[in-house]
Amino acid sequence: MGRYTFPVFNTSNRPRYIVVWDLHWKLLECQRLAPAADLSGAMTAAIDRLEREGWRAEATPEYGFVFIRAGAERVAGRE
């Protein structure tokens, strides 16, 4: 019996997006990814970029979603 893996980072033949919004669902940025893109790598790269800008991820993005904080400001990032 195989272990279940969450499908959020499965390769897709459709475009996907990395989206960052505030806690009131205001869109802050949106990055379109090509079909068959490395979704996990794109999410990691987006978090790394945000961390270089002073943000800190509050958890791992293993489910395609993570809260990101800079001081008292908090936003959400999602694949």
N, C-alpha and C. Protein backbone atom coordinates (compact mmCIF):
# COMPACT_ATOMS: atom_id res chain seq x y z
N MET A 1 0.85 -1.18 0.00
CA MET A 1 0.00 0.00 0.00
C MET A 1 0.89 1.24 0.00
N GLY A 2 0.69 2.12 -0.95
CA GLY A 2 1.49 3.34 -1.06
C GLY A 2 1.03 4.42 -0.10
N ARG A 3 1.94 5.34 0.15
CA ARG A 3 1.61 6.48 1.00
C ARG A 3 0.91 7.55 0.19
N TYR A 4 -0.09 8.18 0.74
CA TYR A 4 -0.79 9.26 0.07
C TYR A 4 0.10 10.50 -0.01
N THR A 5 0.13 11.12 -1.15
CA THR A 5 0.84 12.39 -1.30
C THR A 5 -0.17 13.46 -1.72
N PHE A 6 -0.07 14.60 -1.11
CA PHE A 6 -0.98 15.70 -1.42
C PHE A 6 -0.72 16.16 -2.85
N PRO A 7 -1.74 16.31 -3.69
CA PRO A 7 -1.56 16.54 -5.13
C PRO A 7 -1.23 17.98 -5.56
N VAL A 8 -1.06 18.91 -4.65
CA VAL A 8 -0.90 20.30 -5.04
C VAL A 8 0.31 20.54 -5.95
N PHE A 9 1.38 19.80 -5.79
CA PHE A 9 2.58 20.01 -6.60
C PHE A 9 2.70 19.03 -7.77
N ASN A 10 1.64 18.28 -8.05
CA ASN A 10 1.68 17.39 -9.21
C ASN A 10 1.83 18.20 -10.49
N THR A 11 2.55 17.66 -11.45
CA THR A 11 2.74 18.33 -12.73
C THR A 11 1.39 18.46 -13.43
N SER A 12 1.16 19.62 -14.01
CA SER A 12 -0.11 19.90 -14.69
C SER A 12 0.17 20.34 -16.12
N ASN A 13 -0.73 20.00 -17.04
CA ASN A 13 -0.59 20.46 -18.42
C ASN A 13 -1.28 21.81 -18.63
N ARG A 14 -1.72 22.44 -17.54
CA ARG A 14 -2.34 23.76 -17.58
C ARG A 14 -1.45 24.77 -16.87
N PRO A 15 -1.59 26.04 -17.20
CA PRO A 15 -0.84 27.06 -16.45
C PRO A 15 -1.27 27.05 -14.98
N ARG A 16 -0.34 27.33 -14.10
CA ARG A 16 -0.63 27.44 -12.67
C ARG A 16 -0.10 28.80 -12.22
N TYR A 17 -0.35 29.18 -10.97
CA TYR A 17 0.01 30.51 -10.49
C TYR A 17 0.57 30.45 -9.07
N ILE A 18 1.51 31.35 -8.78
CA ILE A 18 1.94 31.63 -7.42
C ILE A 18 1.27 32.95 -7.08
N VAL A 19 0.47 32.97 -6.02
CA VAL A 19 -0.32 34.15 -5.67
C VAL A 19 0.01 34.56 -4.24
N VAL A 20 0.18 35.87 -4.02
CA VAL A 20 0.38 36.42 -2.68
C VAL A 20 -0.72 37.45 -2.46
N TRP A 21 -1.43 37.30 -1.34
CA TRP A 21 -2.47 38.27 -1.01
C TRP A 21 -2.43 38.57 0.48
N ASP A 22 -3.05 39.69 0.85
CA ASP A 22 -3.08 40.03 2.27
C ASP A 22 -4.23 39.27 2.95
N LEU A 23 -4.38 39.47 4.23
CA LEU A 23 -5.39 38.71 4.96
C LEU A 23 -6.82 39.16 4.67
N HIS A 24 -6.98 40.21 3.86
CA HIS A 24 -8.31 40.65 3.44
C HIS A 24 -8.56 40.28 1.98
N TRP A 25 -7.76 39.34 1.46
CA TRP A 25 -7.86 38.81 0.10
C TRP A 25 -7.54 39.84 -0.98
N LYS A 26 -6.80 40.89 -0.62
CA LYS A 26 -6.35 41.86 -1.61
C LYS A 26 -5.12 41.27 -2.31
N LEU A 27 -5.18 41.17 -3.62
CA LEU A 27 -4.09 40.60 -4.40
C LEU A 27 -2.86 41.50 -4.34
N LEU A 28 -1.72 40.95 -3.92
CA LEU A 28 -0.48 41.71 -3.84
C LEU A 28 0.44 41.40 -5.02
N GLU A 29 0.48 40.13 -5.43
CA GLU A 29 1.24 39.76 -6.62
C GLU A 29 0.75 38.42 -7.13
N CYS A 30 0.96 38.20 -8.42
CA CYS A 30 0.54 36.96 -9.06
C CYS A 30 1.55 36.62 -10.14
N GLN A 31 2.09 35.43 -10.09
CA GLN A 31 3.09 34.99 -11.07
C GLN A 31 2.53 33.78 -11.81
N ARG A 32 2.42 33.89 -13.13
CA ARG A 32 1.91 32.77 -13.95
C ARG A 32 3.05 31.81 -14.21
N LEU A 33 2.78 30.52 -14.05
CA LEU A 33 3.76 29.47 -14.32
C LEU A 33 3.34 28.72 -15.57
N ALA A 34 4.30 28.34 -16.36
CA ALA A 34 4.02 27.61 -17.59
C ALA A 34 3.49 26.21 -17.28
N PRO A 35 2.74 25.61 -18.21
CA PRO A 35 2.33 24.22 -18.02
C PRO A 35 3.57 23.35 -17.81
N ALA A 36 3.44 22.33 -16.97
CA ALA A 36 4.50 21.38 -16.64
C ALA A 36 5.67 22.01 -15.88
N ALA A 37 5.47 23.19 -15.31
CA ALA A 37 6.52 23.85 -14.51
C ALA A 37 6.76 23.06 -13.24
N ASP A 38 7.94 23.24 -12.66
CA ASP A 38 8.27 22.65 -11.36
C ASP A 38 7.57 23.48 -10.29
N LEU A 39 6.40 23.05 -9.86
CA LEU A 39 5.58 23.83 -8.95
C LEU A 39 6.22 23.97 -7.58
N SER A 40 6.78 22.90 -7.07
CA SER A 40 7.44 22.96 -5.77
C SER A 40 8.65 23.90 -5.83
N GLY A 41 9.42 23.81 -6.89
CA GLY A 41 10.58 24.70 -7.06
C GLY A 41 10.17 26.15 -7.19
N ALA A 42 9.07 26.41 -7.90
CA ALA A 42 8.57 27.78 -8.06
C ALA A 42 8.11 28.36 -6.73
N MET A 43 7.45 27.53 -5.92
CA MET A 43 6.99 27.99 -4.60
C MET A 43 8.20 28.27 -3.71
N THR A 44 9.18 27.39 -3.73
CA THR A 44 10.40 27.60 -2.94
C THR A 44 11.11 28.86 -3.37
N ALA A 45 11.21 29.09 -4.68
CA ALA A 45 11.88 30.30 -5.19
C ALA A 45 11.13 31.56 -4.77
N ALA A 46 9.81 31.52 -4.80
CA ALA A 46 9.01 32.69 -4.38
C ALA A 46 9.22 32.98 -2.90
N ILE A 47 9.23 31.95 -2.07
CA ILE A 47 9.46 32.14 -0.64
C ILE A 47 10.86 32.65 -0.38
N ASP A 48 11.85 32.10 -1.08
CA ASP A 48 13.24 32.57 -0.94
C ASP A 48 13.35 34.05 -1.29
N ARG A 49 12.69 34.46 -2.38
CA ARG A 49 12.71 35.87 -2.79
C ARG A 49 12.09 36.76 -1.73
N LEU A 50 10.94 36.34 -1.21
CA LEU A 50 10.28 37.11 -0.16
C LEU A 50 11.13 37.19 1.10
N GLU A 51 11.84 36.11 1.43
CA GLU A 51 12.72 36.13 2.60
C GLU A 51 13.88 37.10 2.40
N ARG A 52 14.39 37.20 1.18
CA ARG A 52 15.45 38.19 0.90
C ARG A 52 14.93 39.61 1.05
N GLU A 53 13.61 39.79 0.89
CA GLU A 53 12.98 41.10 1.04
C GLU A 53 12.55 41.38 2.48
N GLY A 54 12.89 40.48 3.42
CA GLY A 54 12.60 40.71 4.83
C GLY A 54 11.42 39.94 5.39
N TRP A 55 10.76 39.12 4.59
CA TRP A 55 9.63 38.33 5.06
C TRP A 55 10.13 37.00 5.61
N ARG A 56 9.34 36.35 6.44
CA ARG A 56 9.67 35.03 6.99
C ARG A 56 8.45 34.13 6.87
N ALA A 57 8.65 32.94 6.29
CA ALA A 57 7.58 31.95 6.21
C ALA A 57 7.31 31.40 7.60
N GLU A 58 6.04 31.22 7.94
CA GLU A 58 5.67 30.71 9.25
C GLU A 58 5.64 29.19 9.31
N ALA A 59 5.71 28.53 8.17
CA ALA A 59 5.66 27.06 8.11
C ALA A 59 6.27 26.62 6.78
N THR A 60 6.20 25.35 6.51
CA THR A 60 6.65 24.84 5.21
C THR A 60 5.47 24.85 4.24
N PRO A 61 5.73 25.01 2.95
CA PRO A 61 4.64 25.08 1.98
C PRO A 61 4.21 23.72 1.42
N GLU A 62 4.31 22.67 2.21
CA GLU A 62 4.05 21.32 1.70
C GLU A 62 2.63 21.12 1.17
N TYR A 63 1.69 21.97 1.57
CA TYR A 63 0.33 21.89 1.06
C TYR A 63 0.02 23.01 0.07
N GLY A 64 1.05 23.69 -0.42
CA GLY A 64 0.86 24.72 -1.42
C GLY A 64 0.40 26.04 -0.87
N PHE A 65 0.54 26.24 0.44
CA PHE A 65 0.05 27.46 1.08
C PHE A 65 0.94 27.74 2.29
N VAL A 66 1.24 29.02 2.52
CA VAL A 66 2.03 29.38 3.70
C VAL A 66 1.76 30.84 4.06
N PHE A 67 1.67 31.11 5.36
CA PHE A 67 1.60 32.49 5.82
C PHE A 67 3.01 33.04 5.89
N ILE A 68 3.16 34.31 5.53
CA ILE A 68 4.46 34.97 5.50
C ILE A 68 4.34 36.25 6.32
N ARG A 69 5.33 36.49 7.18
CA ARG A 69 5.25 37.61 8.11
C ARG A 69 6.49 38.49 8.00
N ALA A 70 6.26 39.80 8.13
CA ALA A 70 7.35 40.78 8.26
C ALA A 70 6.92 41.72 9.38
N GLY A 71 7.51 41.53 10.55
CA GLY A 71 7.09 42.33 11.72
C GLY A 71 5.66 42.00 12.06
N ALA A 72 4.80 43.03 12.10
CA ALA A 72 3.39 42.82 12.43
C ALA A 72 2.55 42.55 11.18
N GLU A 73 3.13 42.71 10.00
CA GLU A 73 2.38 42.49 8.76
C GLU A 73 2.43 41.01 8.39
N ARG A 74 1.29 40.48 7.97
CA ARG A 74 1.18 39.06 7.64
C ARG A 74 0.41 38.92 6.35
N VAL A 75 0.92 38.08 5.42
CA VAL A 75 0.25 37.82 4.16
C VAL A 75 0.23 36.32 3.92
N ALA A 76 -0.47 35.90 2.89
CA ALA A 76 -0.56 34.49 2.55
C ALA A 76 -0.02 34.28 1.14
N GLY A 77 0.72 33.21 0.97
CA GLY A 77 1.21 32.82 -0.35
C GLY A 77 0.66 31.46 -0.68
N ARG A 78 0.28 31.24 -1.92
CA ARG A 78 -0.33 30.00 -2.32
C ARG A 78 0.09 29.65 -3.73
N GLU A 79 0.31 28.36 -3.96
CA GLU A 79 0.56 27.88 -5.32
C GLU A 79 -0.79 27.68 -5.96
